[in-house]
C-alpha cells in the first residue's frame, strides 16, 4: 500500500511512497539555495519521519544541483547587521542536523551536482551518500568570510582527518566526487544515468531491513563518535537486548531456518 504526502511549499518537495520519503530542495533555477523558510520545512520533514511510517529517506535537489547552501539574497545588506545568526542556527539549522542524526531511519543523500555550504553539510549528516560523477562538494563559507556551520566542523575531520578538513575549509576548494570517494566521504560514485537506479536499490533495501536493528546501528555509530570503547560495548549490550526481544529477531531467525526472505515489521 502506498501513502503519499506532499509539502504545501514548492521550495521543498516531500513525498512518502511505500516507506521511502523523498525530500527535494526545489529551487533549480538558482541551484537550490535554502532560506529560513526552506530550512524550517526541511527540519519539520525530518522530525516527522520518526512517526509517519518512513523507512528510508532520499534527500536530493531539483535540476542540476543538490543544494548550493544558504540563500544569500534572502537577507538584505542592511539587514545583515541586525540579524542574530547565532539564534537562527540554534533554532533551525542545528536542530535539523541533530534530528537527522537522532532519526532511527537511514538517510540517503542523492548528490548529482554541486553540494555547497550547508548543502554540503546536509549531505555529510546523512547516513549514505551516493554521488554522480558530476557531483562536487564545497565548504564555501570562507569565500564570503564565514566559518562552516551545519556540523561541517564535526563531520568532515572525522571522515578525512584534521589536516585535509582544514585545507578544504580554509581554502574553500572544490572536492570532486572521485576525490570524495577516495577519501571515504561518499559511498558510491556512478554515472548520472545510473544514479537513480543505485539510489533506489539502496532505499528499497533499507525498507526491507529490520527497522529496529537499523535504528540501533545508526544510534550506536553516532554515539561512537564521542564514546570510548567501554561505553560503546555497554551500549551495544543494552540495545542488542532490545533487538533480541523484538518480533523482527524471531522473524529473522525463522526466515533463516526456513531459507526464505524475512518480512520485518519493526515490532
Protein backbone atom coordinates (compact mmCIF):
# COMPACT_ATOMS: atom_id res chain seq x y z
CA UNK A 1 0.00 0.00 0.00
CA UNK A 2 1.31 3.45 -0.89
CA UNK A 3 0.89 6.60 1.12
CA UNK A 4 1.85 9.96 -0.34
CA UNK A 5 2.27 13.31 1.36
CA UNK A 6 3.29 16.48 -0.43
CA UNK A 7 4.59 19.62 1.28
CA UNK A 8 2.48 22.72 0.71
CA UNK A 9 5.51 24.91 -0.04
CA UNK A 10 7.07 24.46 -3.51
CA UNK A 11 10.55 25.28 -2.17
CA UNK A 12 10.69 21.81 -0.63
CA UNK A 13 9.00 18.79 -2.18
CA UNK A 14 8.20 15.87 0.10
CA UNK A 15 6.65 12.56 -0.93
CA UNK A 16 6.23 9.32 1.01
CA UNK A 17 5.57 6.21 -1.03
CA UNK A 18 5.94 2.62 0.20
CA UNK A 19 8.06 3.71 3.15
CA UNK A 20 10.51 5.80 1.08
CA UNK A 21 10.34 9.53 1.78
CA UNK A 22 11.88 11.74 -0.91
CA UNK A 23 12.82 15.23 0.18
CA UNK A 24 13.81 17.55 -2.67
CA UNK A 25 15.18 21.07 -2.44
CA UNK A 26 13.23 22.72 -5.22
CA UNK A 27 14.66 25.99 -6.49
CA UNK A 28 16.51 24.62 -9.51
CA UNK A 29 16.82 27.98 -11.26
CA UNK A 30 19.29 29.01 -8.51
CA UNK A 31 20.78 25.60 -7.73
CA UNK A 32 18.52 25.06 -4.73
CA UNK A 33 19.66 27.56 -2.08
CA UNK A 34 17.88 27.30 1.27
CA UNK A 35 16.35 30.25 3.08
CA UNK A 36 14.97 30.25 6.64
CA UNK A 37 11.59 29.01 5.46
CA UNK A 38 13.04 26.11 3.47
CA UNK A 39 15.34 25.12 6.33
CA UNK A 40 12.37 25.10 8.70
CA UNK A 41 10.34 22.93 6.32
CA UNK A 42 13.27 20.55 6.00
CA UNK A 43 13.66 20.32 9.78
CA UNK A 44 9.96 19.53 10.17
CA UNK A 45 10.04 16.90 7.40
CA UNK A 46 12.95 15.13 9.07
CA UNK A 47 11.32 15.19 12.50
CA UNK A 48 8.01 13.91 11.15
CA UNK A 49 9.80 10.93 9.63
CA UNK A 50 10.10 9.34 13.08
CA UNK A 51 6.33 8.79 13.29
CA UNK A 52 4.79 8.79 9.81
CA UNK A 53 5.83 5.35 8.55
CA UNK A 54 9.03 6.44 6.84
CA UNK A 55 11.52 3.57 6.48
CA UNK A 56 14.17 5.41 4.43
CA UNK A 57 14.76 8.97 3.26
CA UNK A 58 16.23 10.05 -0.06
CA UNK A 59 17.49 13.62 0.12
CA UNK A 60 18.24 15.43 -3.14
CA UNK A 61 17.78 18.60 -5.17
CA UNK A 62 15.86 19.50 -8.30
CA UNK A 63 17.60 20.35 -11.55
CA UNK A 64 21.36 20.01 -11.84
CA UNK A 65 22.37 20.72 -8.22
CA UNK A 66 21.94 19.15 -4.81
CA UNK A 67 21.95 22.34 -2.71
CA UNK A 68 24.03 25.47 -3.17
CA UNK A 69 23.87 26.43 0.51
CA UNK A 70 22.21 29.31 2.29
CA UNK A 71 20.29 31.81 0.17
CA UNK A 72 22.45 34.92 0.36
CA UNK A 73 19.74 37.01 -1.28
CA UNK A 74 17.22 36.27 1.45
CA UNK A 75 18.62 38.98 3.74
CA UNK A 76 19.40 42.49 2.54
CA UNK A 77 22.82 44.03 3.09
CA UNK A 78 21.29 46.46 5.58
CA UNK A 79 19.58 43.61 7.41
CA UNK A 80 22.70 41.52 7.91
CA UNK A 81 23.99 43.66 10.78
CA UNK A 82 20.66 43.29 12.60
CA UNK A 83 20.30 39.56 12.12
CA UNK A 84 21.06 37.25 15.05
CA UNK A 85 22.61 34.40 13.07
CA UNK A 86 23.56 32.55 16.27
CA UNK A 87 19.93 32.36 17.32
CA UNK A 88 18.86 31.38 13.81
CA UNK A 89 21.32 28.50 13.72
CA UNK A 90 20.26 27.36 17.18
CA UNK A 91 16.57 27.45 16.27
CA UNK A 92 16.62 25.84 12.82
CA UNK A 93 19.91 24.58 11.39
CA UNK A 94 21.28 22.91 14.50
CA UNK A 95 18.05 21.09 15.43
CA UNK A 96 17.84 19.84 11.84
CA UNK A 97 21.30 18.27 11.93
CA UNK A 98 20.62 16.78 15.38
CA UNK A 99 17.30 15.40 14.14
CA UNK A 100 18.98 13.83 11.11
CA UNK A 101 21.45 12.02 13.37
CA UNK A 102 18.86 11.04 16.00
CA UNK A 103 16.31 9.78 13.49
CA UNK A 104 16.16 5.94 13.63
CA UNK A 105 15.73 5.89 9.86
CA UNK A 106 18.53 5.83 7.25
CA UNK A 107 19.01 8.99 5.20
CA UNK A 108 20.47 8.61 1.71
CA UNK A 109 21.88 11.75 0.11
CA UNK A 110 21.50 11.60 -3.66
CA UNK A 111 24.12 14.12 -4.78
CA UNK A 112 24.04 14.61 -8.53
CA UNK A 113 25.64 18.06 -8.75
CA UNK A 114 27.07 20.79 -6.51
CA UNK A 115 26.62 20.43 -2.76
CA UNK A 116 27.95 23.65 -1.21
CA UNK A 117 27.92 25.31 2.18
CA UNK A 118 25.23 23.94 4.44
CA UNK A 119 24.08 21.86 1.46
CA UNK A 120 27.39 20.00 1.65
CA UNK A 121 26.89 19.52 5.38
CA UNK A 122 23.35 18.23 4.94
CA UNK A 123 24.92 15.51 2.81
CA UNK A 124 27.63 14.83 5.39
CA UNK A 125 24.97 14.48 8.10
CA UNK A 126 23.25 11.75 6.08
CA UNK A 127 23.97 8.04 6.56
CA UNK A 128 24.78 7.17 2.95
CA UNK A 129 25.99 9.44 0.16
CA UNK A 130 25.52 8.26 -3.43
CA UNK A 131 27.16 10.71 -5.84
CA UNK A 132 27.11 11.05 -9.58
CA UNK A 133 30.38 11.67 -11.39
CA UNK A 134 29.16 15.27 -11.83
CA UNK A 135 28.85 15.90 -8.08
CA UNK A 136 31.15 18.28 -6.24
CA UNK A 137 31.40 19.15 -2.56
CA UNK A 138 32.44 22.63 -1.41
CA UNK A 139 32.93 24.11 2.05
CA UNK A 140 32.48 27.54 0.53
CA UNK A 141 31.94 29.53 3.73
CA UNK A 142 35.41 31.09 3.89
CA UNK A 143 34.94 32.70 0.50
CA UNK A 144 32.34 35.04 1.98
CA UNK A 145 34.10 35.50 5.30
CA UNK A 146 32.32 32.82 7.31
CA UNK A 147 33.27 29.61 9.09
CA UNK A 148 31.30 26.41 8.40
CA UNK A 149 28.05 25.61 10.14
CA UNK A 150 25.61 22.71 9.84
CA UNK A 151 28.01 20.34 11.60
CA UNK A 152 30.74 20.53 8.97
CA UNK A 153 33.50 21.00 11.55
CA UNK A 154 32.28 17.83 13.28
CA UNK A 155 31.69 15.52 10.33
CA UNK A 156 34.43 16.38 7.85
CA UNK A 157 37.54 15.87 10.03
CA UNK A 158 36.16 12.51 11.16
CA UNK A 159 35.99 11.47 7.53
CA UNK A 160 39.16 12.95 6.03
CA UNK A 161 41.32 13.87 9.05
CA UNK A 162 42.09 17.23 10.62
CA UNK A 163 44.67 18.45 8.12
CA UNK A 164 42.64 17.76 4.98
CA UNK A 165 39.49 19.15 6.59
CA UNK A 166 41.35 22.33 7.49
CA UNK A 167 42.62 22.67 3.92
CA UNK A 168 39.18 22.18 2.40
CA UNK A 169 37.56 24.65 4.79
CA UNK A 170 40.32 27.26 4.87
CA UNK A 171 40.73 27.36 1.09
CA UNK A 172 37.16 26.62 0.03
CA UNK A 173 38.37 24.35 -2.77
CA UNK A 174 36.09 22.04 -4.71
CA UNK A 175 36.19 18.35 -3.80
CA UNK A 176 35.31 16.20 -6.81
CA UNK A 177 33.17 13.11 -6.50
CA UNK A 178 36.13 10.88 -7.31
CA UNK A 179 38.32 12.51 -4.65
CA UNK A 180 35.46 12.38 -2.15
CA UNK A 181 35.14 8.65 -2.78
CA UNK A 182 38.89 8.12 -2.38
CA UNK A 183 38.75 9.92 0.99
CA UNK A 184 35.78 7.91 2.22
CA UNK A 185 33.34 10.82 2.12
CA UNK A 186 30.87 9.13 -0.26
CA UNK A 187 29.73 5.52 -0.58
CA UNK A 188 29.46 5.29 -4.36
CA UNK A 189 30.25 7.34 -7.45
CA UNK A 190 28.26 6.38 -10.53
CA UNK A 191 27.43 7.91 -13.92
CA UNK A 192 24.45 10.27 -13.83
CA UNK A 193 22.38 7.86 -15.92
CA UNK A 194 22.84 5.14 -13.27
CA UNK A 195 22.33 7.31 -10.19
CA UNK A 196 18.61 6.80 -9.64
CA UNK A 197 18.90 3.04 -10.07
CA UNK A 198 21.62 2.80 -7.43
CA UNK A 199 19.86 5.17 -5.03
CA UNK A 200 16.56 3.33 -5.42
CA UNK A 201 18.24 -0.01 -4.77
CA UNK A 202 19.77 1.33 -1.56
CA UNK A 203 16.45 2.81 -0.43
CA UNK A 204 14.48 -0.34 -1.19
CA UNK A 205 16.99 -2.50 0.67
CA UNK A 206 16.70 -0.18 3.67
CA UNK A 207 12.91 -0.50 3.70
CA UNK A 208 13.23 -4.29 3.70
CA UNK A 209 15.74 -4.40 6.56
CA UNK A 210 14.77 -4.75 10.22
CA UNK A 211 13.82 -1.21 11.35
CA UNK A 212 14.71 -1.71 15.00
CA UNK A 213 18.13 -3.10 14.14
CA UNK A 214 18.80 -0.32 11.61
CA UNK A 215 17.87 2.32 14.16
CA UNK A 216 20.16 0.76 16.77
CA UNK A 217 23.06 0.54 14.28
CA UNK A 218 22.69 4.21 13.40
CA UNK A 219 22.42 5.27 17.04
CA UNK A 220 25.43 3.20 18.07
CA UNK A 221 27.62 4.53 15.25
CA UNK A 222 26.61 8.11 16.01
CA UNK A 223 27.31 7.60 19.71
CA UNK A 224 30.69 6.04 18.99
CA UNK A 225 31.91 9.36 17.64
CA UNK A 226 32.06 10.70 21.20
CA UNK A 227 32.25 7.45 23.22
CA UNK A 228 35.10 5.31 24.48
CA UNK A 229 35.34 1.56 23.84
CA UNK A 230 33.84 0.56 27.17
CA UNK A 231 30.89 2.85 26.63
CA UNK A 232 30.36 1.54 23.10
CA UNK A 233 30.44 -2.08 24.32
CA UNK A 234 27.88 -1.40 27.04
CA UNK A 235 25.63 0.50 24.61
CA UNK A 236 25.80 -2.48 22.25
CA UNK A 237 24.89 -4.88 25.07
CA UNK A 238 21.84 -2.86 26.13
CA UNK A 239 20.49 -2.29 22.63
CA UNK A 240 21.25 -5.78 21.39
CA UNK A 241 18.87 -6.86 24.16
CA UNK A 242 16.13 -4.70 22.64
CA UNK A 243 16.78 -6.28 19.23
CA UNK A 244 16.85 -9.79 20.73
CA UNK A 245 13.42 -9.31 22.30
CA UNK A 246 11.86 -7.95 19.11
CA UNK A 247 9.47 -9.78 16.81
CA UNK A 248 11.84 -8.91 13.97
CA UNK A 249 14.58 -11.06 15.50
CA UNK A 250 12.21 -14.01 15.81
CA UNK A 251 11.15 -13.49 12.20
CA UNK A 252 14.76 -13.20 11.06
CA UNK A 253 15.75 -16.48 12.71
CA UNK A 254 12.65 -18.26 11.41
CA UNK A 255 13.24 -16.99 7.89
CA UNK A 256 16.89 -18.06 8.06
CA UNK A 257 15.95 -21.56 9.16
CA UNK A 258 13.23 -21.77 6.51
CA UNK A 259 15.61 -20.39 3.85
CA UNK A 260 13.30 -17.55 2.85
CA UNK A 261 13.40 -13.79 2.81
CA UNK A 262 12.36 -12.22 6.16
CA UNK A 263 9.37 -9.88 6.40
CA UNK A 264 10.35 -7.35 9.06
CA UNK A 265 7.66 -5.17 10.67
CA UNK A 266 9.57 -3.02 13.15
CA UNK A 267 7.94 -4.71 16.16
